[in-house]
N, C-alpha and C. Protein backbone atom coordinates (compact mmCIF):
# COMPACT_ATOMS: atom_id res chain seq x y z
N MET A 1 -27.15 57.86 5.61
CA MET A 1 -26.67 56.65 6.28
C MET A 1 -27.76 56.13 7.19
N SER A 2 -28.03 54.82 7.11
CA SER A 2 -29.09 54.21 7.92
C SER A 2 -28.50 53.60 9.17
N ILE A 3 -29.23 53.62 10.26
CA ILE A 3 -28.80 53.06 11.53
C ILE A 3 -29.77 51.96 11.91
N LYS A 4 -29.19 50.77 12.26
CA LYS A 4 -30.02 49.64 12.63
C LYS A 4 -30.24 49.66 14.14
N TYR A 5 -31.48 49.62 14.56
CA TYR A 5 -31.85 49.61 15.97
C TYR A 5 -32.41 48.23 16.34
N CYS A 6 -32.13 47.79 17.55
CA CYS A 6 -32.73 46.57 18.08
C CYS A 6 -34.03 46.95 18.77
N ASP A 7 -35.05 46.19 18.50
CA ASP A 7 -36.35 46.48 19.13
C ASP A 7 -36.33 46.19 20.61
N GLN A 8 -35.60 45.19 20.98
CA GLN A 8 -35.55 44.82 22.39
C GLN A 8 -34.11 44.67 22.84
N HIS A 9 -33.86 45.06 24.07
CA HIS A 9 -32.51 45.01 24.60
C HIS A 9 -31.99 43.57 24.70
N LYS A 10 -32.87 42.62 25.00
CA LYS A 10 -32.46 41.21 25.12
C LYS A 10 -32.00 40.66 23.79
N ASP A 11 -32.65 41.06 22.71
CA ASP A 11 -32.22 40.58 21.39
C ASP A 11 -30.84 41.09 21.04
N CYS A 12 -30.57 42.34 21.40
CA CYS A 12 -29.24 42.90 21.13
C CYS A 12 -28.16 42.16 21.93
N GLU A 13 -28.45 41.90 23.19
CA GLU A 13 -27.50 41.19 24.03
C GLU A 13 -27.26 39.78 23.53
N ARG A 14 -28.33 39.10 23.08
CA ARG A 14 -28.20 37.74 22.57
C ARG A 14 -27.32 37.71 21.32
N GLN A 15 -27.49 38.70 20.47
CA GLN A 15 -26.68 38.77 19.26
C GLN A 15 -25.21 39.00 19.58
N ARG A 16 -24.93 39.86 20.57
CA ARG A 16 -23.54 40.11 20.95
C ARG A 16 -22.89 38.85 21.53
N VAL A 17 -23.64 38.13 22.37
CA VAL A 17 -23.11 36.89 22.94
C VAL A 17 -22.85 35.85 21.85
N TYR A 18 -23.76 35.76 20.89
CA TYR A 18 -23.60 34.79 19.80
C TYR A 18 -22.37 35.12 18.96
N ARG A 19 -22.17 36.42 18.67
CA ARG A 19 -21.00 36.81 17.88
C ARG A 19 -19.71 36.52 18.62
N ARG A 20 -19.71 36.79 19.93
CA ARG A 20 -18.51 36.51 20.72
C ARG A 20 -18.21 35.02 20.79
N PHE A 21 -19.27 34.22 20.91
CA PHE A 21 -19.08 32.76 20.95
C PHE A 21 -18.51 32.25 19.64
N CYS A 22 -19.05 32.75 18.51
CA CYS A 22 -18.54 32.31 17.20
C CYS A 22 -17.09 32.73 17.01
N ALA A 23 -16.75 33.95 17.45
CA ALA A 23 -15.38 34.42 17.32
C ALA A 23 -14.43 33.58 18.17
N ALA A 24 -14.85 33.25 19.41
CA ALA A 24 -14.00 32.43 20.28
C ALA A 24 -13.82 31.04 19.71
N LEU A 25 -14.91 30.46 19.17
CA LEU A 25 -14.81 29.12 18.60
C LEU A 25 -13.89 29.11 17.38
N ALA A 26 -14.02 30.14 16.53
CA ALA A 26 -13.14 30.21 15.36
C ALA A 26 -11.69 30.36 15.77
N ALA A 27 -11.45 31.14 16.85
CA ALA A 27 -10.08 31.32 17.33
C ALA A 27 -9.51 30.01 17.86
N LEU A 28 -10.33 29.24 18.58
CA LEU A 28 -9.86 27.95 19.10
C LEU A 28 -9.54 26.98 17.98
N VAL A 29 -10.39 26.96 16.95
CA VAL A 29 -10.15 26.07 15.81
C VAL A 29 -8.86 26.46 15.11
N LEU A 30 -8.66 27.76 14.88
CA LEU A 30 -7.44 28.21 14.22
C LEU A 30 -6.21 27.91 15.06
N LEU A 31 -6.34 28.06 16.39
CA LEU A 31 -5.22 27.76 17.26
C LEU A 31 -4.87 26.28 17.21
N ALA A 32 -5.89 25.41 17.23
CA ALA A 32 -5.65 23.97 17.16
C ALA A 32 -4.99 23.60 15.84
N LEU A 33 -5.47 24.18 14.74
CA LEU A 33 -4.86 23.90 13.44
C LEU A 33 -3.42 24.39 13.39
N LEU A 34 -3.17 25.53 14.00
CA LEU A 34 -1.81 26.06 14.02
C LEU A 34 -0.88 25.16 14.82
N ILE A 35 -1.36 24.65 15.95
CA ILE A 35 -0.54 23.75 16.76
C ILE A 35 -0.23 22.47 15.99
N VAL A 36 -1.26 21.91 15.32
CA VAL A 36 -1.05 20.69 14.53
C VAL A 36 -0.04 20.96 13.42
N LEU A 37 -0.16 22.11 12.77
CA LEU A 37 0.77 22.44 11.68
C LEU A 37 2.19 22.58 12.20
N ILE A 38 2.36 23.25 13.35
CA ILE A 38 3.70 23.43 13.91
C ILE A 38 4.33 22.09 14.28
N VAL A 39 3.52 21.24 14.95
CA VAL A 39 4.02 19.91 15.32
C VAL A 39 4.42 19.13 14.08
N TRP A 40 3.59 19.19 13.05
CA TRP A 40 3.86 18.45 11.81
C TRP A 40 5.14 18.96 11.13
N LEU A 41 5.30 20.27 11.09
CA LEU A 41 6.49 20.83 10.46
C LEU A 41 7.75 20.52 11.25
N VAL A 42 7.63 20.50 12.59
CA VAL A 42 8.80 20.21 13.41
C VAL A 42 9.21 18.74 13.28
N LEU A 43 8.23 17.84 13.32
CA LEU A 43 8.54 16.41 13.29
C LEU A 43 8.85 15.93 11.87
N ARG A 44 8.15 16.45 10.89
CA ARG A 44 8.35 16.08 9.49
C ARG A 44 8.41 14.56 9.30
N PRO A 45 7.33 13.83 9.57
CA PRO A 45 7.40 12.36 9.44
C PRO A 45 7.62 11.94 8.00
N SER A 46 8.48 10.96 7.83
CA SER A 46 8.75 10.39 6.52
C SER A 46 7.91 9.14 6.32
N LYS A 47 7.58 8.85 5.08
CA LYS A 47 6.81 7.66 4.78
C LYS A 47 7.66 6.41 5.01
N PRO A 48 7.04 5.30 5.33
CA PRO A 48 7.80 4.07 5.58
C PRO A 48 8.52 3.60 4.33
N ARG A 49 9.57 2.84 4.54
CA ARG A 49 10.34 2.28 3.44
C ARG A 49 10.08 0.78 3.33
N PHE A 50 9.79 0.33 2.13
CA PHE A 50 9.48 -1.07 1.89
C PHE A 50 10.53 -1.69 0.98
N TYR A 51 10.79 -2.98 1.22
CA TYR A 51 11.75 -3.74 0.42
C TYR A 51 11.15 -5.11 0.10
N LEU A 52 11.35 -5.54 -1.11
CA LEU A 52 10.95 -6.90 -1.50
C LEU A 52 12.18 -7.79 -1.39
N ASN A 53 12.18 -8.70 -0.43
CA ASN A 53 13.35 -9.54 -0.17
C ASN A 53 13.36 -10.83 -0.98
N ASN A 54 12.16 -11.36 -1.27
CA ASN A 54 12.13 -12.63 -2.00
C ASN A 54 10.73 -12.89 -2.53
N VAL A 55 10.66 -13.60 -3.63
CA VAL A 55 9.41 -14.15 -4.17
C VAL A 55 9.67 -15.60 -4.54
N ASP A 56 8.95 -16.48 -3.91
CA ASP A 56 9.10 -17.92 -4.16
C ASP A 56 7.83 -18.43 -4.82
N ILE A 57 7.92 -18.72 -6.11
CA ILE A 57 6.75 -19.20 -6.86
C ILE A 57 6.70 -20.73 -6.79
N VAL A 58 5.60 -21.22 -6.29
CA VAL A 58 5.39 -22.66 -6.20
C VAL A 58 4.86 -23.20 -7.52
N CYS A 59 3.92 -22.47 -8.11
CA CYS A 59 3.30 -22.96 -9.34
C CYS A 59 2.65 -21.82 -10.09
N ILE A 60 2.80 -21.83 -11.40
CA ILE A 60 2.01 -20.99 -12.32
C ILE A 60 1.49 -21.90 -13.42
N ASN A 61 0.21 -21.85 -13.61
CA ASN A 61 -0.39 -22.71 -14.63
C ASN A 61 -1.51 -21.97 -15.34
N VAL A 62 -1.56 -22.10 -16.65
CA VAL A 62 -2.62 -21.51 -17.46
C VAL A 62 -3.35 -22.63 -18.19
N SER A 63 -4.62 -22.76 -17.89
CA SER A 63 -5.45 -23.74 -18.60
C SER A 63 -6.26 -22.99 -19.66
N SER A 64 -6.10 -23.42 -20.90
CA SER A 64 -6.71 -22.72 -22.01
C SER A 64 -7.75 -23.58 -22.69
N SER A 65 -8.80 -22.92 -23.18
CA SER A 65 -9.81 -23.56 -24.00
C SER A 65 -10.04 -22.68 -25.22
N SER A 66 -10.98 -23.06 -26.03
CA SER A 66 -11.23 -22.29 -27.25
C SER A 66 -11.79 -20.90 -26.96
N SER A 67 -12.37 -20.73 -25.77
CA SER A 67 -13.03 -19.46 -25.48
C SER A 67 -12.35 -18.63 -24.39
N SER A 68 -11.51 -19.27 -23.53
CA SER A 68 -10.93 -18.52 -22.42
C SER A 68 -9.66 -19.19 -21.92
N SER A 69 -8.94 -18.42 -21.09
CA SER A 69 -7.75 -18.93 -20.41
C SER A 69 -7.89 -18.59 -18.94
N LEU A 70 -7.51 -19.53 -18.07
CA LEU A 70 -7.61 -19.34 -16.63
C LEU A 70 -6.24 -19.52 -16.00
N LEU A 71 -5.89 -18.57 -15.12
CA LEU A 71 -4.59 -18.58 -14.47
C LEU A 71 -4.71 -19.09 -13.04
N THR A 72 -3.83 -20.01 -12.68
CA THR A 72 -3.72 -20.49 -11.31
C THR A 72 -2.28 -20.27 -10.86
N VAL A 73 -2.11 -19.62 -9.72
CA VAL A 73 -0.77 -19.28 -9.25
C VAL A 73 -0.70 -19.40 -7.73
N THR A 74 0.43 -19.86 -7.24
CA THR A 74 0.71 -19.92 -5.80
C THR A 74 2.14 -19.44 -5.58
N MET A 75 2.30 -18.50 -4.66
CA MET A 75 3.64 -17.97 -4.39
C MET A 75 3.71 -17.47 -2.95
N GLN A 76 4.94 -17.22 -2.50
CA GLN A 76 5.17 -16.61 -1.20
C GLN A 76 6.08 -15.40 -1.40
N ALA A 77 5.62 -14.25 -0.91
CA ALA A 77 6.38 -13.01 -1.05
C ALA A 77 6.88 -12.57 0.32
N THR A 78 8.17 -12.23 0.39
CA THR A 78 8.76 -11.74 1.65
C THR A 78 8.98 -10.24 1.50
N VAL A 79 8.22 -9.47 2.28
CA VAL A 79 8.24 -8.01 2.21
C VAL A 79 8.67 -7.46 3.56
N ALA A 80 9.58 -6.50 3.53
CA ALA A 80 10.05 -5.84 4.76
C ALA A 80 9.67 -4.37 4.73
N ALA A 81 9.32 -3.84 5.90
CA ALA A 81 9.00 -2.42 6.04
C ALA A 81 9.79 -1.86 7.21
N ARG A 82 10.30 -0.65 7.04
CA ARG A 82 11.08 -0.01 8.10
C ARG A 82 10.57 1.41 8.33
N ASN A 83 10.50 1.79 9.60
CA ASN A 83 10.12 3.15 9.96
C ASN A 83 11.38 4.00 10.06
N PRO A 84 11.60 4.95 9.14
CA PRO A 84 12.83 5.74 9.16
C PRO A 84 12.80 6.92 10.13
N ASN A 85 11.66 7.15 10.77
CA ASN A 85 11.50 8.33 11.62
C ASN A 85 12.14 8.11 12.99
N GLU A 86 12.84 9.12 13.49
CA GLU A 86 13.48 9.06 14.79
C GLU A 86 12.54 9.48 15.93
N ARG A 87 11.47 10.22 15.59
CA ARG A 87 10.57 10.73 16.64
C ARG A 87 9.11 10.41 16.40
N VAL A 88 8.83 9.60 15.38
CA VAL A 88 7.44 9.32 15.00
C VAL A 88 7.25 7.82 14.81
N GLY A 89 6.23 7.26 15.44
CA GLY A 89 5.86 5.86 15.22
C GLY A 89 4.81 5.75 14.12
N ILE A 90 4.58 4.53 13.65
CA ILE A 90 3.63 4.31 12.56
C ILE A 90 2.69 3.16 12.93
N PHE A 91 1.39 3.42 12.86
CA PHE A 91 0.37 2.38 12.98
C PHE A 91 0.03 1.86 11.59
N TYR A 92 0.13 0.54 11.41
CA TYR A 92 -0.39 -0.09 10.19
C TYR A 92 -1.74 -0.70 10.57
N ASP A 93 -2.80 0.07 10.34
CA ASP A 93 -4.13 -0.39 10.76
C ASP A 93 -4.71 -1.44 9.81
N ARG A 94 -4.37 -1.32 8.53
CA ARG A 94 -4.83 -2.31 7.56
C ARG A 94 -3.85 -2.32 6.39
N ALA A 95 -3.52 -3.52 5.92
CA ALA A 95 -2.64 -3.66 4.77
C ALA A 95 -2.93 -4.98 4.07
N ASP A 96 -3.14 -4.92 2.77
CA ASP A 96 -3.40 -6.10 1.95
C ASP A 96 -2.29 -6.24 0.92
N VAL A 97 -1.88 -7.48 0.68
CA VAL A 97 -0.81 -7.78 -0.28
C VAL A 97 -1.37 -8.65 -1.39
N TYR A 98 -1.00 -8.34 -2.62
CA TYR A 98 -1.41 -9.18 -3.75
C TYR A 98 -0.38 -9.04 -4.86
N ALA A 99 -0.44 -9.94 -5.84
CA ALA A 99 0.49 -9.94 -6.96
C ALA A 99 -0.23 -9.54 -8.23
N GLU A 100 0.50 -8.84 -9.08
CA GLU A 100 -0.01 -8.42 -10.39
C GLU A 100 0.90 -8.94 -11.49
N TYR A 101 0.27 -9.19 -12.64
CA TYR A 101 1.04 -9.48 -13.85
C TYR A 101 0.56 -8.56 -14.96
N ARG A 102 1.40 -7.63 -15.34
CA ARG A 102 1.09 -6.66 -16.39
C ARG A 102 -0.25 -5.96 -16.16
N GLY A 103 -0.46 -5.51 -14.92
CA GLY A 103 -1.67 -4.77 -14.58
C GLY A 103 -2.86 -5.62 -14.18
N LEU A 104 -2.78 -6.94 -14.32
CA LEU A 104 -3.86 -7.84 -13.93
C LEU A 104 -3.60 -8.38 -12.53
N GLN A 105 -4.56 -8.24 -11.63
CA GLN A 105 -4.41 -8.81 -10.30
C GLN A 105 -4.48 -10.33 -10.41
N ALA A 106 -3.36 -10.97 -10.11
CA ALA A 106 -3.24 -12.41 -10.33
C ALA A 106 -3.57 -13.23 -9.09
N THR A 107 -3.57 -12.62 -7.91
CA THR A 107 -3.89 -13.34 -6.68
C THR A 107 -4.91 -12.54 -5.88
N VAL A 108 -5.58 -13.22 -4.99
CA VAL A 108 -6.49 -12.52 -4.08
C VAL A 108 -5.65 -11.76 -3.06
N ALA A 109 -6.22 -10.71 -2.50
CA ALA A 109 -5.50 -9.91 -1.51
C ALA A 109 -5.41 -10.67 -0.19
N THR A 110 -4.22 -10.71 0.37
CA THR A 110 -3.97 -11.34 1.67
C THR A 110 -3.76 -10.25 2.72
N ALA A 111 -4.54 -10.29 3.79
CA ALA A 111 -4.46 -9.26 4.82
C ALA A 111 -3.27 -9.51 5.74
N LEU A 112 -2.52 -8.46 6.03
CA LEU A 112 -1.44 -8.52 6.99
C LEU A 112 -1.95 -8.14 8.37
N PRO A 113 -1.39 -8.69 9.43
CA PRO A 113 -1.86 -8.35 10.78
C PRO A 113 -1.53 -6.90 11.12
N PRO A 114 -2.44 -6.18 11.79
CA PRO A 114 -2.15 -4.80 12.21
C PRO A 114 -0.96 -4.77 13.16
N ILE A 115 -0.09 -3.78 12.98
CA ILE A 115 1.09 -3.65 13.83
C ILE A 115 1.35 -2.18 14.12
N PHE A 116 2.25 -1.96 15.08
CA PHE A 116 2.76 -0.62 15.35
C PHE A 116 4.27 -0.66 15.27
N GLN A 117 4.85 0.21 14.46
CA GLN A 117 6.30 0.32 14.36
C GLN A 117 6.75 1.50 15.20
N ALA A 118 7.59 1.22 16.18
CA ALA A 118 8.09 2.27 17.04
C ALA A 118 9.09 3.15 16.30
N LYS A 119 9.36 4.31 16.85
CA LYS A 119 10.31 5.24 16.25
C LYS A 119 11.73 4.68 16.34
N GLY A 120 12.61 5.27 15.54
CA GLY A 120 14.01 4.89 15.62
C GLY A 120 14.42 3.72 14.75
N GLY A 121 13.74 3.53 13.62
CA GLY A 121 14.17 2.49 12.68
C GLY A 121 13.60 1.11 12.91
N ASP A 122 12.48 1.02 13.62
CA ASP A 122 11.85 -0.28 13.84
C ASP A 122 11.46 -0.90 12.50
N ALA A 123 11.66 -2.21 12.36
CA ALA A 123 11.42 -2.90 11.09
C ALA A 123 10.52 -4.11 11.31
N THR A 124 9.80 -4.48 10.27
CA THR A 124 8.89 -5.62 10.29
C THR A 124 9.05 -6.40 8.99
N VAL A 125 8.99 -7.72 9.08
CA VAL A 125 9.07 -8.58 7.90
C VAL A 125 7.82 -9.45 7.84
N TRP A 126 7.17 -9.45 6.68
CA TRP A 126 6.02 -10.32 6.43
C TRP A 126 6.37 -11.31 5.32
N ALA A 127 5.81 -12.50 5.39
CA ALA A 127 6.03 -13.50 4.35
C ALA A 127 4.71 -14.20 4.03
N PRO A 128 3.74 -13.47 3.50
CA PRO A 128 2.43 -14.08 3.24
C PRO A 128 2.44 -14.97 1.99
N PHE A 129 1.60 -15.97 2.00
CA PHE A 129 1.35 -16.77 0.81
C PHE A 129 0.27 -16.09 -0.01
N LEU A 130 0.49 -16.01 -1.32
CA LEU A 130 -0.44 -15.37 -2.25
C LEU A 130 -0.88 -16.42 -3.26
N SER A 131 -2.17 -16.47 -3.51
CA SER A 131 -2.67 -17.48 -4.44
C SER A 131 -3.86 -16.94 -5.21
N GLY A 132 -4.02 -17.48 -6.40
CA GLY A 132 -5.18 -17.18 -7.24
C GLY A 132 -5.54 -18.42 -8.01
N ALA A 133 -6.82 -18.70 -8.09
CA ALA A 133 -7.30 -19.90 -8.78
C ALA A 133 -8.38 -19.52 -9.77
N GLY A 134 -8.19 -19.92 -11.00
CA GLY A 134 -9.20 -19.66 -12.03
C GLY A 134 -9.36 -18.19 -12.35
N VAL A 135 -8.24 -17.46 -12.34
CA VAL A 135 -8.29 -16.02 -12.67
C VAL A 135 -8.42 -15.88 -14.18
N PRO A 136 -9.47 -15.22 -14.67
CA PRO A 136 -9.63 -15.05 -16.13
C PRO A 136 -8.44 -14.27 -16.72
N LEU A 137 -7.85 -14.84 -17.74
CA LEU A 137 -6.68 -14.26 -18.36
C LEU A 137 -7.00 -13.87 -19.80
N PRO A 138 -6.95 -12.58 -20.13
CA PRO A 138 -7.22 -12.17 -21.52
C PRO A 138 -6.24 -12.84 -22.48
N PRO A 139 -6.65 -13.06 -23.72
CA PRO A 139 -5.78 -13.75 -24.68
C PRO A 139 -4.40 -13.11 -24.84
N TYR A 140 -4.35 -11.76 -24.85
CA TYR A 140 -3.06 -11.11 -25.05
C TYR A 140 -2.13 -11.33 -23.86
N LEU A 141 -2.69 -11.46 -22.64
CA LEU A 141 -1.85 -11.73 -21.48
C LEU A 141 -1.41 -13.19 -21.44
N ALA A 142 -2.28 -14.08 -21.88
CA ALA A 142 -1.87 -15.49 -21.97
C ALA A 142 -0.71 -15.65 -22.94
N ALA A 143 -0.79 -14.94 -24.08
CA ALA A 143 0.30 -14.99 -25.05
C ALA A 143 1.57 -14.34 -24.48
N ALA A 144 1.40 -13.22 -23.74
CA ALA A 144 2.56 -12.53 -23.16
C ALA A 144 3.24 -13.40 -22.11
N LEU A 145 2.45 -14.10 -21.30
CA LEU A 145 3.04 -14.97 -20.28
C LEU A 145 3.84 -16.10 -20.92
N ALA A 146 3.29 -16.68 -21.99
CA ALA A 146 4.02 -17.74 -22.70
C ALA A 146 5.32 -17.20 -23.29
N GLN A 147 5.27 -15.98 -23.83
CA GLN A 147 6.48 -15.38 -24.40
C GLN A 147 7.52 -15.10 -23.31
N ASP A 148 7.06 -14.60 -22.16
CA ASP A 148 7.99 -14.31 -21.07
C ASP A 148 8.68 -15.58 -20.58
N GLU A 149 7.90 -16.65 -20.43
CA GLU A 149 8.51 -17.90 -19.97
C GLU A 149 9.46 -18.47 -21.02
N THR A 150 9.11 -18.30 -22.28
CA THR A 150 10.01 -18.77 -23.34
C THR A 150 11.31 -17.99 -23.33
N ALA A 151 11.22 -16.68 -23.08
CA ALA A 151 12.41 -15.83 -23.04
C ALA A 151 13.25 -16.09 -21.80
N GLY A 152 12.66 -16.68 -20.77
CA GLY A 152 13.42 -17.01 -19.57
C GLY A 152 13.35 -16.00 -18.45
N TYR A 153 12.50 -14.98 -18.60
CA TYR A 153 12.37 -13.95 -17.57
C TYR A 153 10.91 -13.60 -17.36
N LEU A 154 10.56 -13.42 -16.10
CA LEU A 154 9.17 -13.11 -15.74
C LEU A 154 9.18 -11.93 -14.78
N LEU A 155 8.41 -10.90 -15.11
CA LEU A 155 8.33 -9.71 -14.26
C LEU A 155 6.94 -9.62 -13.64
N LEU A 156 6.90 -9.70 -12.32
CA LEU A 156 5.67 -9.55 -11.56
C LEU A 156 5.75 -8.27 -10.73
N THR A 157 4.62 -7.89 -10.16
CA THR A 157 4.57 -6.75 -9.26
C THR A 157 3.85 -7.17 -7.98
N ILE A 158 4.52 -6.98 -6.85
CA ILE A 158 3.90 -7.23 -5.55
C ILE A 158 3.41 -5.88 -5.02
N ARG A 159 2.15 -5.82 -4.70
CA ARG A 159 1.56 -4.56 -4.25
C ARG A 159 1.04 -4.69 -2.81
N VAL A 160 1.18 -3.58 -2.08
CA VAL A 160 0.62 -3.45 -0.74
C VAL A 160 -0.31 -2.25 -0.75
N ASP A 161 -1.52 -2.46 -0.27
CA ASP A 161 -2.50 -1.38 -0.23
C ASP A 161 -3.10 -1.35 1.18
N GLY A 162 -3.07 -0.19 1.82
CA GLY A 162 -3.59 -0.14 3.19
C GLY A 162 -3.72 1.26 3.72
N TRP A 163 -3.86 1.35 5.04
CA TRP A 163 -4.04 2.62 5.73
C TRP A 163 -3.13 2.67 6.95
N ILE A 164 -2.44 3.81 7.12
CA ILE A 164 -1.52 3.98 8.23
C ILE A 164 -1.81 5.29 8.96
N ARG A 165 -1.29 5.37 10.20
CA ARG A 165 -1.35 6.61 10.99
C ARG A 165 0.02 6.85 11.60
N PHE A 166 0.35 8.12 11.80
CA PHE A 166 1.61 8.50 12.45
C PHE A 166 1.33 8.90 13.89
N LYS A 167 2.27 8.57 14.79
CA LYS A 167 2.13 8.87 16.21
C LYS A 167 3.37 9.57 16.72
N ALA A 168 3.18 10.77 17.28
CA ALA A 168 4.26 11.53 17.89
C ALA A 168 3.84 11.90 19.30
N GLY A 169 4.39 11.21 20.28
CA GLY A 169 3.95 11.42 21.66
C GLY A 169 2.50 10.99 21.82
N ALA A 170 1.67 11.91 22.31
CA ALA A 170 0.24 11.61 22.45
C ALA A 170 -0.55 12.00 21.21
N PHE A 171 0.12 12.63 20.25
CA PHE A 171 -0.57 13.10 19.04
C PHE A 171 -0.58 11.99 17.99
N ILE A 172 -1.77 11.65 17.48
CA ILE A 172 -1.94 10.64 16.44
C ILE A 172 -2.70 11.26 15.27
N THR A 173 -2.17 11.10 14.08
CA THR A 173 -2.80 11.69 12.91
C THR A 173 -4.02 10.88 12.47
N SER A 174 -4.72 11.41 11.50
CA SER A 174 -5.78 10.66 10.84
C SER A 174 -5.16 9.64 9.89
N HIS A 175 -5.98 8.86 9.21
CA HIS A 175 -5.47 7.80 8.35
C HIS A 175 -4.91 8.36 7.04
N TYR A 176 -3.83 7.72 6.58
CA TYR A 176 -3.23 8.02 5.28
C TYR A 176 -3.25 6.74 4.44
N HIS A 177 -3.56 6.92 3.15
CA HIS A 177 -3.64 5.77 2.24
C HIS A 177 -2.22 5.36 1.84
N LEU A 178 -1.89 4.11 2.10
CA LEU A 178 -0.58 3.56 1.78
C LEU A 178 -0.67 2.74 0.50
N ARG A 179 0.19 3.07 -0.47
CA ARG A 179 0.28 2.30 -1.72
C ARG A 179 1.74 1.96 -1.97
N VAL A 180 2.00 0.68 -2.13
CA VAL A 180 3.38 0.20 -2.31
C VAL A 180 3.43 -0.66 -3.56
N ARG A 181 4.46 -0.41 -4.38
CA ARG A 181 4.65 -1.20 -5.60
C ARG A 181 6.07 -1.74 -5.63
N CYS A 182 6.17 -3.09 -5.67
CA CYS A 182 7.48 -3.75 -5.64
C CYS A 182 7.66 -4.60 -6.89
N PRO A 183 8.55 -4.21 -7.80
CA PRO A 183 8.81 -5.05 -8.98
C PRO A 183 9.59 -6.30 -8.59
N ALA A 184 9.22 -7.43 -9.19
CA ALA A 184 9.88 -8.70 -8.89
C ALA A 184 10.30 -9.36 -10.21
N LEU A 185 11.60 -9.42 -10.43
CA LEU A 185 12.13 -10.06 -11.63
C LEU A 185 12.60 -11.46 -11.29
N LEU A 186 12.09 -12.44 -12.05
CA LEU A 186 12.46 -13.84 -11.82
C LEU A 186 12.97 -14.44 -13.11
N THR A 187 13.95 -15.34 -12.98
CA THR A 187 14.38 -16.11 -14.13
C THR A 187 13.55 -17.39 -14.21
N VAL A 188 13.38 -17.87 -15.41
CA VAL A 188 12.62 -19.10 -15.65
C VAL A 188 13.60 -20.17 -16.12
N ASN A 189 13.70 -21.24 -15.34
CA ASN A 189 14.59 -22.35 -15.70
C ASN A 189 16.02 -21.85 -15.92
N ASP A 190 16.51 -21.04 -14.93
CA ASP A 190 17.86 -20.45 -14.99
C ASP A 190 18.07 -19.60 -16.24
N GLY A 191 16.99 -18.95 -16.69
CA GLY A 191 17.09 -18.08 -17.85
C GLY A 191 16.98 -18.79 -19.17
N GLN A 192 16.83 -20.10 -19.16
CA GLN A 192 16.73 -20.85 -20.41
C GLN A 192 15.31 -20.86 -20.97
N GLY A 193 14.34 -20.50 -20.11
CA GLY A 193 12.96 -20.45 -20.58
C GLY A 193 12.29 -21.80 -20.60
N SER A 194 11.02 -21.76 -20.99
CA SER A 194 10.24 -23.00 -21.00
C SER A 194 9.91 -23.45 -22.41
N TYR A 195 10.56 -22.83 -23.39
CA TYR A 195 10.39 -23.23 -24.78
C TYR A 195 8.92 -23.24 -25.20
N GLY A 196 8.21 -22.16 -24.81
CA GLY A 196 6.85 -21.99 -25.29
C GLY A 196 5.78 -22.49 -24.35
N SER A 197 6.14 -23.30 -23.39
CA SER A 197 5.13 -23.81 -22.45
C SER A 197 4.86 -22.76 -21.38
N ASN A 198 3.58 -22.47 -21.11
CA ASN A 198 3.26 -21.49 -20.06
C ASN A 198 2.79 -22.21 -18.80
N ALA A 199 3.29 -23.40 -18.56
CA ALA A 199 3.05 -24.12 -17.31
C ALA A 199 4.40 -24.49 -16.72
N GLY A 200 4.56 -24.22 -15.44
CA GLY A 200 5.83 -24.55 -14.81
C GLY A 200 5.73 -24.45 -13.31
N GLY A 201 6.78 -24.71 -12.64
CA GLY A 201 6.81 -24.60 -11.20
C GLY A 201 7.82 -25.55 -10.62
N GLY A 202 7.74 -25.72 -9.33
CA GLY A 202 8.68 -26.60 -8.65
C GLY A 202 9.86 -25.84 -8.11
N SER A 203 10.61 -26.48 -7.31
CA SER A 203 11.75 -25.86 -6.65
C SER A 203 12.81 -25.46 -7.67
N GLY A 204 13.19 -24.19 -7.67
CA GLY A 204 14.24 -23.70 -8.53
C GLY A 204 13.82 -23.37 -9.95
N TYR A 205 12.57 -23.64 -10.33
CA TYR A 205 12.15 -23.34 -11.70
C TYR A 205 12.08 -21.83 -11.91
N PHE A 206 11.47 -21.12 -10.94
CA PHE A 206 11.47 -19.67 -10.94
C PHE A 206 12.43 -19.20 -9.84
N LYS A 207 13.35 -18.30 -10.19
CA LYS A 207 14.31 -17.81 -9.22
C LYS A 207 14.24 -16.29 -9.14
N PHE A 208 14.03 -15.81 -7.93
CA PHE A 208 14.02 -14.38 -7.69
C PHE A 208 15.43 -13.83 -7.80
N GLN A 209 15.58 -12.70 -8.49
CA GLN A 209 16.93 -12.22 -8.80
C GLN A 209 17.61 -11.48 -7.65
N ARG A 210 17.00 -10.42 -7.15
CA ARG A 210 17.67 -9.66 -6.10
C ARG A 210 16.66 -8.85 -5.30
N ALA A 211 16.98 -8.62 -4.03
CA ALA A 211 16.15 -7.77 -3.20
C ALA A 211 16.23 -6.34 -3.72
N ALA A 212 15.11 -5.63 -3.65
CA ALA A 212 15.06 -4.28 -4.20
C ALA A 212 14.09 -3.42 -3.40
N PRO A 213 14.39 -2.10 -3.32
CA PRO A 213 13.43 -1.20 -2.65
C PRO A 213 12.17 -1.05 -3.49
N CYS A 214 11.09 -0.74 -2.80
CA CYS A 214 9.79 -0.59 -3.45
C CYS A 214 9.44 0.90 -3.57
N VAL A 215 8.52 1.18 -4.45
CA VAL A 215 8.00 2.54 -4.60
C VAL A 215 6.85 2.72 -3.63
N VAL A 216 6.95 3.72 -2.74
CA VAL A 216 5.95 3.94 -1.69
C VAL A 216 5.28 5.27 -1.91
N ASP A 217 3.95 5.26 -1.85
CA ASP A 217 3.17 6.48 -2.00
C ASP A 217 2.21 6.58 -0.81
N VAL A 218 2.27 7.70 -0.09
CA VAL A 218 1.39 7.94 1.05
C VAL A 218 0.67 9.25 0.83
């Protein structure tokens, strides 16, 4: 068996101090992580709940040529969010809203103002205008949009993408990625359709069917 000797007493003492410092630091880190875990397990914050209350389409128009199709759309989406936590508040540091049609982003992202939702069921309602001009539309989507309008029903998706933090007392978490998907079913011309035309709009041409909860992923 070999025995390791220190050549100098100061080197041995320095090594002992360094080991003790590392052990104390590791213990503090583990203690802090344990406290965070206990607080998190006790509070058990739930993700916010989102609802799509209305979609008001002002205009949808597709201009087609021999080589391409361009989509122009203007709408207003009314989205509500509620904090279901009784002991935890929620910071919405950033949130963008946009509309999709069959996986294609049809409008530019509209930023929502940063807010804080207090604990105990605090709720917020946003009604941003969403628009897209000259959005390239693949031929199969242009045909699908015409078919949907002819059938009298149009299915869109309103999406919210952002970052949130939870607050419990003085404790604030790091950022969590918020993803919200809200299906929006609208009738076209009271369900009678547009008889093949993929241009329409005006008051009452598109009617939102019913408010519905959204799928939320945090």
